[in-house]
Structures are given as C-alpha cells and as structure tokens.
Amino acid sequence: MMRRTVLGALASLAALAADSTFSAARTRTPAPPNAEAYLIWPYDGAFISGGKLWVRMGLRNMGVCPKGVDLPNVGHHHLLVDTDLPPLDQEIPSDRNHLHYGAGETDARLELPPGKHTLQLLLGDYNHVPHDPPVYSKKITITVK
C-alpha cells in the first residue's frame, strides 16, 4: 500500500515537471509601490576626469540590507554598467556589467575607461532577484575623459 502511494506521488511529480505551464522561477519579493532607487552621484550628463569615481546610491520607501536578509521592504543595490535591465523575474547576473553590493553598500568606487557609459541601479532581494514591482533607477549617461 505504501509503495503505491510513493509511486503515485512520483508519477504526479513527473507529470507536473512535464507540464509546460510549470515554472521553476522563484517567487518574487514584494516591494511597496512607492519605492524608488536613484543615483545621487554621478548625475546624468556628468563629465568625469580620470575614470575613477565614487557612485552614491539612494533608495526611498525601502531599506538597504545585506544579501541573505529576508525581511519585508528591504534589499540591496546592483549597479548596471553599460547594459540594459536583465530579466526581472530571475536572479540578477554577476559580471562586469552587473555589480552586486551585497554587503548593503550605498556608495562604491568605480573605475571606467574613457568614453560614454550608462549607469542604472536595480534593487535585489535576499536572493539577488528583483522585487515585484521591480525597483530601479532611471538610466543615466556619463562621459569619462
């Protein structure tokens, strides 16, 4: 009798996995609708000499905390450099274009080569997944001389 129950449960799981509507996407953490991420510095259109700059990150109506902290209305910053927003229902990538500030930093030293660059903030939850609704800043353009 127990063998039939286990086999039935396994069959149900197999059917669920085969169902095309099944999704392994993570449940997104809610964010208040009035939350706002923004760049304090640099400002849109800034000219930076030498390529080394401090980026100052801001957040309204939510709190900043380190990765792994699962509390309501908190998250941590990710700086998107020269890239568009990633898929908003998946973990934010970690590479040279998606910089993670998982210790809860609100400012960071950045070095960029000469030329035009775009910067944008995207808040991630305890698992580096954007909130629902996603909290991100306006994309700005800066020029490094």
N, C-alpha and C. Protein backbone atom coordinates (compact mmCIF):
# COMPACT_ATOMS: atom_id res chain seq x y z
N MET A 1 0.82 -1.18 0.00
CA MET A 1 0.00 0.00 0.00
C MET A 1 0.88 1.26 0.00
N MET A 2 1.94 1.30 0.86
CA MET A 2 2.82 2.47 0.90
C MET A 2 3.56 2.62 -0.42
N ARG A 3 3.92 1.49 -1.03
CA ARG A 3 4.63 1.54 -2.31
C ARG A 3 3.76 2.21 -3.37
N ARG A 4 2.46 1.90 -3.40
CA ARG A 4 1.54 2.53 -4.36
C ARG A 4 1.46 4.04 -4.13
N THR A 5 1.42 4.46 -2.87
CA THR A 5 1.34 5.88 -2.54
C THR A 5 2.58 6.61 -3.01
N VAL A 6 3.75 6.02 -2.75
CA VAL A 6 5.01 6.63 -3.17
C VAL A 6 5.08 6.69 -4.69
N LEU A 7 4.71 5.58 -5.36
CA LEU A 7 4.72 5.56 -6.82
C LEU A 7 3.73 6.58 -7.39
N GLY A 8 2.58 6.70 -6.76
CA GLY A 8 1.59 7.68 -7.21
C GLY A 8 2.11 9.10 -7.06
N ALA A 9 2.78 9.38 -5.95
CA ALA A 9 3.35 10.71 -5.73
C ALA A 9 4.44 11.01 -6.74
N LEU A 10 5.28 10.02 -7.03
CA LEU A 10 6.34 10.21 -8.02
C LEU A 10 5.75 10.46 -9.40
N ALA A 11 4.70 9.74 -9.74
CA ALA A 11 4.04 9.94 -11.03
C ALA A 11 3.44 11.34 -11.12
N SER A 12 2.86 11.82 -10.02
CA SER A 12 2.29 13.16 -10.01
C SER A 12 3.38 14.22 -10.20
N LEU A 13 4.53 14.03 -9.53
CA LEU A 13 5.64 14.97 -9.70
C LEU A 13 6.18 14.95 -11.12
N ALA A 14 6.27 13.78 -11.71
CA ALA A 14 6.75 13.66 -13.09
C ALA A 14 5.80 14.36 -14.04
N ALA A 15 4.50 14.20 -13.82
CA ALA A 15 3.51 14.87 -14.67
C ALA A 15 3.61 16.39 -14.51
N LEU A 16 3.81 16.87 -13.28
CA LEU A 16 3.94 18.29 -13.04
C LEU A 16 5.17 18.84 -13.74
N ALA A 17 6.27 18.12 -13.66
CA ALA A 17 7.51 18.57 -14.30
C ALA A 17 7.38 18.59 -15.81
N ALA A 18 6.59 17.68 -16.37
CA ALA A 18 6.41 17.62 -17.82
C ALA A 18 5.41 18.66 -18.31
N ASP A 19 4.59 19.19 -17.43
CA ASP A 19 3.59 20.18 -17.80
C ASP A 19 4.30 21.46 -18.25
N SER A 20 3.96 21.97 -19.43
CA SER A 20 4.64 23.15 -19.97
C SER A 20 4.31 24.41 -19.19
N THR A 21 3.28 24.40 -18.35
CA THR A 21 2.96 25.60 -17.58
C THR A 21 3.72 25.65 -16.26
N PHE A 22 4.41 24.57 -15.91
CA PHE A 22 5.19 24.54 -14.67
C PHE A 22 6.40 25.46 -14.83
N SER A 23 6.68 26.27 -13.83
CA SER A 23 7.80 27.19 -13.89
C SER A 23 8.66 27.04 -12.64
N ALA A 24 9.97 27.02 -12.84
CA ALA A 24 10.90 26.93 -11.72
C ALA A 24 11.31 28.33 -11.24
N ALA A 25 10.71 29.37 -11.81
CA ALA A 25 11.06 30.73 -11.41
C ALA A 25 10.75 30.94 -9.93
N ARG A 26 11.57 31.73 -9.29
CA ARG A 26 11.39 32.00 -7.87
C ARG A 26 10.22 32.95 -7.66
N THR A 27 9.61 32.84 -6.50
CA THR A 27 8.59 33.79 -6.11
C THR A 27 9.29 35.11 -5.80
N ARG A 28 8.80 36.19 -6.39
CA ARG A 28 9.44 37.49 -6.20
C ARG A 28 8.97 38.13 -4.90
N THR A 29 9.89 38.83 -4.26
CA THR A 29 9.62 39.50 -3.00
C THR A 29 8.85 40.80 -3.29
N PRO A 30 7.76 41.04 -2.56
CA PRO A 30 7.00 42.28 -2.81
C PRO A 30 7.77 43.53 -2.40
N ALA A 31 7.51 44.60 -3.15
CA ALA A 31 8.05 45.92 -2.83
C ALA A 31 6.88 46.89 -2.75
N PRO A 32 6.98 47.91 -1.90
CA PRO A 32 5.91 48.90 -1.88
C PRO A 32 5.84 49.62 -3.23
N PRO A 33 4.65 49.98 -3.67
CA PRO A 33 4.52 50.61 -4.99
C PRO A 33 5.19 51.98 -5.08
N ASN A 34 5.49 52.62 -3.95
CA ASN A 34 6.11 53.94 -3.98
C ASN A 34 7.63 53.88 -3.76
N ALA A 35 8.24 52.70 -3.81
CA ALA A 35 9.69 52.58 -3.62
C ALA A 35 10.40 53.15 -4.84
N GLU A 36 11.56 53.75 -4.59
CA GLU A 36 12.32 54.37 -5.68
C GLU A 36 13.82 54.26 -5.43
N ALA A 37 14.54 53.73 -6.40
CA ALA A 37 16.01 53.73 -6.37
C ALA A 37 16.47 54.90 -7.24
N TYR A 38 17.58 55.52 -6.84
CA TYR A 38 18.09 56.65 -7.63
C TYR A 38 19.59 56.80 -7.40
N LEU A 39 20.25 57.39 -8.37
CA LEU A 39 21.66 57.70 -8.27
C LEU A 39 21.81 59.11 -7.73
N ILE A 40 22.56 59.25 -6.63
CA ILE A 40 22.85 60.55 -6.05
C ILE A 40 23.99 61.20 -6.83
N TRP A 41 25.02 60.39 -7.10
CA TRP A 41 26.20 60.83 -7.86
C TRP A 41 26.75 59.66 -8.61
N PRO A 42 27.15 59.77 -9.83
CA PRO A 42 27.14 60.99 -10.64
C PRO A 42 25.74 61.31 -11.16
N TYR A 43 25.57 62.51 -11.64
CA TYR A 43 24.30 62.91 -12.21
C TYR A 43 24.31 62.65 -13.72
N ASP A 44 23.16 62.62 -14.33
CA ASP A 44 23.03 62.39 -15.77
C ASP A 44 23.76 63.49 -16.53
N GLY A 45 24.63 63.11 -17.44
CA GLY A 45 25.38 64.06 -18.25
C GLY A 45 26.70 64.49 -17.65
N ALA A 46 27.08 63.94 -16.50
CA ALA A 46 28.33 64.34 -15.84
C ALA A 46 29.55 63.97 -16.68
N PHE A 47 30.59 64.81 -16.58
CA PHE A 47 31.90 64.53 -17.17
C PHE A 47 32.84 64.18 -16.03
N ILE A 48 33.49 63.02 -16.14
CA ILE A 48 34.37 62.52 -15.09
C ILE A 48 35.80 62.51 -15.62
N SER A 49 36.72 63.13 -14.90
CA SER A 49 38.12 63.12 -15.31
C SER A 49 38.84 61.95 -14.67
N GLY A 50 39.59 61.23 -15.46
CA GLY A 50 40.45 60.17 -14.93
C GLY A 50 39.82 58.80 -14.82
N GLY A 51 38.52 58.68 -14.90
CA GLY A 51 37.88 57.37 -14.91
C GLY A 51 37.57 56.78 -13.56
N LYS A 52 38.14 57.31 -12.47
CA LYS A 52 37.84 56.80 -11.13
C LYS A 52 36.79 57.70 -10.49
N LEU A 53 35.73 57.10 -10.00
CA LEU A 53 34.67 57.89 -9.40
C LEU A 53 33.99 57.11 -8.29
N TRP A 54 33.36 57.86 -7.41
CA TRP A 54 32.50 57.27 -6.39
C TRP A 54 31.08 57.32 -6.90
N VAL A 55 30.37 56.22 -6.78
CA VAL A 55 28.96 56.17 -7.11
C VAL A 55 28.20 56.16 -5.79
N ARG A 56 27.25 57.09 -5.65
CA ARG A 56 26.43 57.16 -4.44
C ARG A 56 25.01 56.74 -4.81
N MET A 57 24.49 55.76 -4.08
CA MET A 57 23.21 55.14 -4.40
C MET A 57 22.15 55.53 -3.38
N GLY A 58 20.96 55.82 -3.85
CA GLY A 58 19.87 56.21 -2.96
C GLY A 58 18.68 55.28 -3.10
N LEU A 59 17.84 55.28 -2.05
CA LEU A 59 16.64 54.44 -2.03
C LEU A 59 15.60 55.12 -1.14
N ARG A 60 14.38 55.22 -1.65
CA ARG A 60 13.27 55.80 -0.88
C ARG A 60 12.22 54.75 -0.62
N ASN A 61 11.62 54.82 0.57
CA ASN A 61 10.48 53.99 0.97
C ASN A 61 10.80 52.50 1.07
N MET A 62 12.07 52.17 1.16
CA MET A 62 12.55 50.81 1.45
C MET A 62 13.86 50.97 2.22
N GLY A 63 14.34 49.86 2.78
CA GLY A 63 15.61 49.87 3.49
C GLY A 63 16.67 49.09 2.75
N VAL A 64 17.92 49.40 3.02
CA VAL A 64 19.07 48.69 2.44
C VAL A 64 19.60 47.73 3.49
N CYS A 65 19.87 46.50 3.07
CA CYS A 65 20.43 45.50 3.98
C CYS A 65 21.32 44.55 3.18
N PRO A 66 22.12 43.73 3.84
CA PRO A 66 22.98 42.78 3.12
C PRO A 66 22.16 41.67 2.46
N LYS A 67 22.78 41.01 1.47
CA LYS A 67 22.15 39.85 0.84
C LYS A 67 21.87 38.80 1.91
N GLY A 68 20.87 37.99 1.67
CA GLY A 68 20.54 36.92 2.61
C GLY A 68 19.59 37.33 3.71
N VAL A 69 19.33 38.63 3.87
CA VAL A 69 18.42 39.10 4.91
C VAL A 69 17.01 39.13 4.30
N ASP A 70 16.14 38.27 4.81
CA ASP A 70 14.79 38.13 4.27
C ASP A 70 13.80 38.83 5.20
N LEU A 71 13.68 40.15 5.02
CA LEU A 71 12.74 40.97 5.77
C LEU A 71 11.88 41.75 4.78
N PRO A 72 10.69 42.18 5.20
CA PRO A 72 9.86 42.97 4.29
C PRO A 72 10.48 44.32 3.97
N ASN A 73 10.29 44.75 2.73
CA ASN A 73 10.65 46.11 2.28
C ASN A 73 12.13 46.45 2.41
N VAL A 74 13.00 45.48 2.20
CA VAL A 74 14.45 45.73 2.18
C VAL A 74 15.06 45.03 0.97
N GLY A 75 16.27 45.45 0.62
CA GLY A 75 17.01 44.83 -0.48
C GLY A 75 18.41 45.43 -0.52
N HIS A 76 19.14 45.08 -1.57
CA HIS A 76 20.48 45.64 -1.75
C HIS A 76 20.67 46.05 -3.21
N HIS A 77 21.59 47.00 -3.40
CA HIS A 77 21.80 47.60 -4.72
C HIS A 77 22.61 46.70 -5.66
N HIS A 78 22.29 46.83 -6.94
CA HIS A 78 23.07 46.28 -8.04
C HIS A 78 23.26 47.42 -9.02
N LEU A 79 24.47 47.65 -9.46
CA LEU A 79 24.75 48.72 -10.42
C LEU A 79 24.93 48.09 -11.79
N LEU A 80 24.12 48.54 -12.72
CA LEU A 80 24.19 48.06 -14.10
C LEU A 80 25.03 49.06 -14.89
N VAL A 81 26.14 48.58 -15.46
CA VAL A 81 27.07 49.43 -16.18
C VAL A 81 27.06 49.04 -17.66
N ASP A 82 26.68 49.99 -18.50
CA ASP A 82 26.68 49.78 -19.96
C ASP A 82 25.84 48.57 -20.38
N THR A 83 24.68 48.40 -19.76
CA THR A 83 23.80 47.29 -20.11
C THR A 83 22.35 47.68 -19.79
N ASP A 84 21.42 46.91 -20.34
CA ASP A 84 20.00 47.11 -20.06
C ASP A 84 19.59 46.30 -18.85
N LEU A 85 18.37 46.54 -18.38
CA LEU A 85 17.85 45.74 -17.27
C LEU A 85 17.83 44.26 -17.66
N PRO A 86 18.21 43.38 -16.74
CA PRO A 86 18.13 41.94 -17.02
C PRO A 86 16.67 41.47 -16.88
N PRO A 87 16.38 40.20 -17.17
CA PRO A 87 15.02 39.69 -16.92
C PRO A 87 14.65 39.94 -15.45
N LEU A 88 13.49 40.51 -15.22
CA LEU A 88 13.12 40.95 -13.88
C LEU A 88 12.51 39.85 -13.02
N ASP A 89 12.40 38.63 -13.55
CA ASP A 89 11.88 37.51 -12.77
C ASP A 89 12.96 36.47 -12.48
N GLN A 90 14.21 36.85 -12.70
CA GLN A 90 15.33 35.93 -12.49
C GLN A 90 16.41 36.60 -11.64
N GLU A 91 17.33 35.78 -11.13
CA GLU A 91 18.45 36.31 -10.35
C GLU A 91 19.27 37.26 -11.22
N ILE A 92 19.68 38.37 -10.65
CA ILE A 92 20.48 39.36 -11.37
C ILE A 92 21.87 38.76 -11.61
N PRO A 93 22.35 38.80 -12.86
CA PRO A 93 23.69 38.24 -13.14
C PRO A 93 24.76 38.97 -12.33
N SER A 94 25.90 38.32 -12.18
CA SER A 94 27.05 38.93 -11.51
C SER A 94 28.23 38.87 -12.48
N ASP A 95 28.52 40.00 -13.09
CA ASP A 95 29.63 40.10 -14.04
C ASP A 95 30.08 41.55 -14.10
N ARG A 96 30.92 41.90 -15.06
CA ARG A 96 31.47 43.26 -15.10
C ARG A 96 30.43 44.32 -15.43
N ASN A 97 29.25 43.90 -15.93
CA ASN A 97 28.18 44.84 -16.23
C ASN A 97 27.09 44.87 -15.16
N HIS A 98 27.10 43.90 -14.26
CA HIS A 98 26.10 43.79 -13.19
C HIS A 98 26.86 43.66 -11.87
N LEU A 99 27.08 44.80 -11.21
CA LEU A 99 27.90 44.82 -9.99
C LEU A 99 27.00 44.70 -8.77
N HIS A 100 27.30 43.73 -7.91
CA HIS A 100 26.49 43.44 -6.72
C HIS A 100 27.09 44.13 -5.50
N TYR A 101 26.23 44.75 -4.73
CA TYR A 101 26.64 45.36 -3.47
C TYR A 101 25.89 44.68 -2.33
N GLY A 102 26.21 43.39 -2.18
CA GLY A 102 25.51 42.52 -1.25
C GLY A 102 25.83 42.72 0.21
N ALA A 103 26.75 43.61 0.53
CA ALA A 103 27.02 43.91 1.94
C ALA A 103 26.16 45.08 2.41
N GLY A 104 25.29 45.56 1.52
CA GLY A 104 24.42 46.68 1.87
C GLY A 104 25.05 48.04 1.61
N GLU A 105 26.07 48.10 0.75
CA GLU A 105 26.75 49.36 0.46
C GLU A 105 25.79 50.36 -0.20
N THR A 106 26.02 51.63 0.09
CA THR A 106 25.26 52.69 -0.57
C THR A 106 26.18 53.62 -1.35
N ASP A 107 27.47 53.34 -1.34
CA ASP A 107 28.41 54.01 -2.23
C ASP A 107 29.51 53.03 -2.60
N ALA A 108 30.15 53.28 -3.73
CA ALA A 108 31.16 52.35 -4.23
C ALA A 108 32.13 53.08 -5.15
N ARG A 109 33.36 52.63 -5.14
CA ARG A 109 34.39 53.17 -6.03
C ARG A 109 34.30 52.40 -7.34
N LEU A 110 34.31 53.13 -8.44
CA LEU A 110 34.18 52.54 -9.76
C LEU A 110 35.26 53.12 -10.65
N GLU A 111 35.82 52.30 -11.53
CA GLU A 111 36.80 52.77 -12.49
C GLU A 111 36.32 52.39 -13.88
N LEU A 112 36.22 53.39 -14.75
CA LEU A 112 35.72 53.17 -16.11
C LEU A 112 36.72 53.71 -17.12
N PRO A 113 36.81 53.08 -18.29
CA PRO A 113 37.69 53.60 -19.34
C PRO A 113 37.09 54.86 -19.97
N PRO A 114 37.91 55.63 -20.69
CA PRO A 114 37.40 56.82 -21.36
C PRO A 114 36.25 56.48 -22.31
N GLY A 115 35.30 57.41 -22.39
CA GLY A 115 34.16 57.24 -23.30
C GLY A 115 32.84 57.44 -22.57
N LYS A 116 31.75 57.20 -23.31
CA LYS A 116 30.41 57.33 -22.73
C LYS A 116 30.03 56.02 -22.06
N HIS A 117 29.35 56.13 -20.93
CA HIS A 117 28.91 54.96 -20.17
C HIS A 117 27.51 55.21 -19.62
N THR A 118 26.75 54.13 -19.47
CA THR A 118 25.45 54.23 -18.82
C THR A 118 25.52 53.55 -17.46
N LEU A 119 24.77 54.10 -16.52
CA LEU A 119 24.67 53.55 -15.17
C LEU A 119 23.20 53.49 -14.78
N GLN A 120 22.82 52.42 -14.10
CA GLN A 120 21.45 52.27 -13.62
C GLN A 120 21.47 51.36 -12.40
N LEU A 121 20.65 51.68 -11.40
CA LEU A 121 20.53 50.85 -10.21
C LEU A 121 19.34 49.91 -10.34
N LEU A 122 19.48 48.72 -9.80
CA LEU A 122 18.39 47.75 -9.70
C LEU A 122 18.48 47.12 -8.32
N LEU A 123 17.41 47.21 -7.56
CA LEU A 123 17.39 46.64 -6.22
C LEU A 123 17.10 45.14 -6.31
N GLY A 124 17.84 44.36 -5.53
CA GLY A 124 17.61 42.92 -5.46
C GLY A 124 17.21 42.51 -4.06
N ASP A 125 16.48 41.40 -3.96
CA ASP A 125 16.07 40.90 -2.64
C ASP A 125 17.19 40.04 -2.05
N TYR A 126 16.88 39.30 -1.01
CA TYR A 126 17.87 38.48 -0.32
C TYR A 126 18.53 37.45 -1.22
N ASN A 127 17.88 37.09 -2.34
CA ASN A 127 18.42 36.13 -3.30
C ASN A 127 18.89 36.78 -4.60
N HIS A 128 19.08 38.08 -4.62
CA HIS A 128 19.50 38.83 -5.82
C HIS A 128 18.45 38.84 -6.92
N VAL A 129 17.17 38.65 -6.57
CA VAL A 129 16.09 38.69 -7.56
C VAL A 129 15.38 40.03 -7.41
N PRO A 130 15.06 40.71 -8.53
CA PRO A 130 14.34 41.98 -8.41
C PRO A 130 12.99 41.80 -7.71
N HIS A 131 12.56 42.83 -7.02
CA HIS A 131 11.29 42.82 -6.30
C HIS A 131 10.10 42.88 -7.27
N ASP A 132 8.92 42.76 -6.72
CA ASP A 132 7.69 42.86 -7.50
C ASP A 132 6.81 43.91 -6.85
N PRO A 133 6.63 45.09 -7.43
CA PRO A 133 7.21 45.53 -8.70
C PRO A 133 8.71 45.81 -8.56
N PRO A 134 9.44 45.73 -9.69
CA PRO A 134 10.89 45.98 -9.62
C PRO A 134 11.19 47.41 -9.22
N VAL A 135 12.27 47.58 -8.48
CA VAL A 135 12.69 48.90 -8.02
C VAL A 135 14.02 49.21 -8.70
N TYR A 136 13.98 50.18 -9.64
CA TYR A 136 15.19 50.54 -10.36
C TYR A 136 15.19 52.03 -10.65
N SER A 137 16.40 52.55 -10.90
CA SER A 137 16.56 53.98 -11.17
C SER A 137 16.42 54.26 -12.66
N LYS A 138 16.38 55.54 -12.94
CA LYS A 138 16.49 56.00 -14.32
C LYS A 138 17.90 55.65 -14.80
N LYS A 139 18.06 55.30 -16.06
CA LYS A 139 19.39 55.06 -16.63
C LYS A 139 20.01 56.41 -16.97
N ILE A 140 21.24 56.62 -16.52
CA ILE A 140 21.93 57.88 -16.82
C ILE A 140 23.13 57.60 -17.72
N THR A 141 23.61 58.67 -18.37
CA THR A 141 24.80 58.58 -19.22
C THR A 141 25.84 59.54 -18.66
N ILE A 142 27.06 59.05 -18.53
CA ILE A 142 28.18 59.88 -18.11
C ILE A 142 29.30 59.75 -19.15
N THR A 143 30.22 60.71 -19.15
CA THR A 143 31.35 60.66 -20.06
C THR A 143 32.63 60.72 -19.24
N VAL A 144 33.52 59.76 -19.49
CA VAL A 144 34.83 59.72 -18.83
C VAL A 144 35.84 60.28 -19.79
N LYS A 145 36.61 61.28 -19.32
CA LYS A 145 37.65 61.92 -20.16
C LYS A 145 38.99 61.30 -19.87
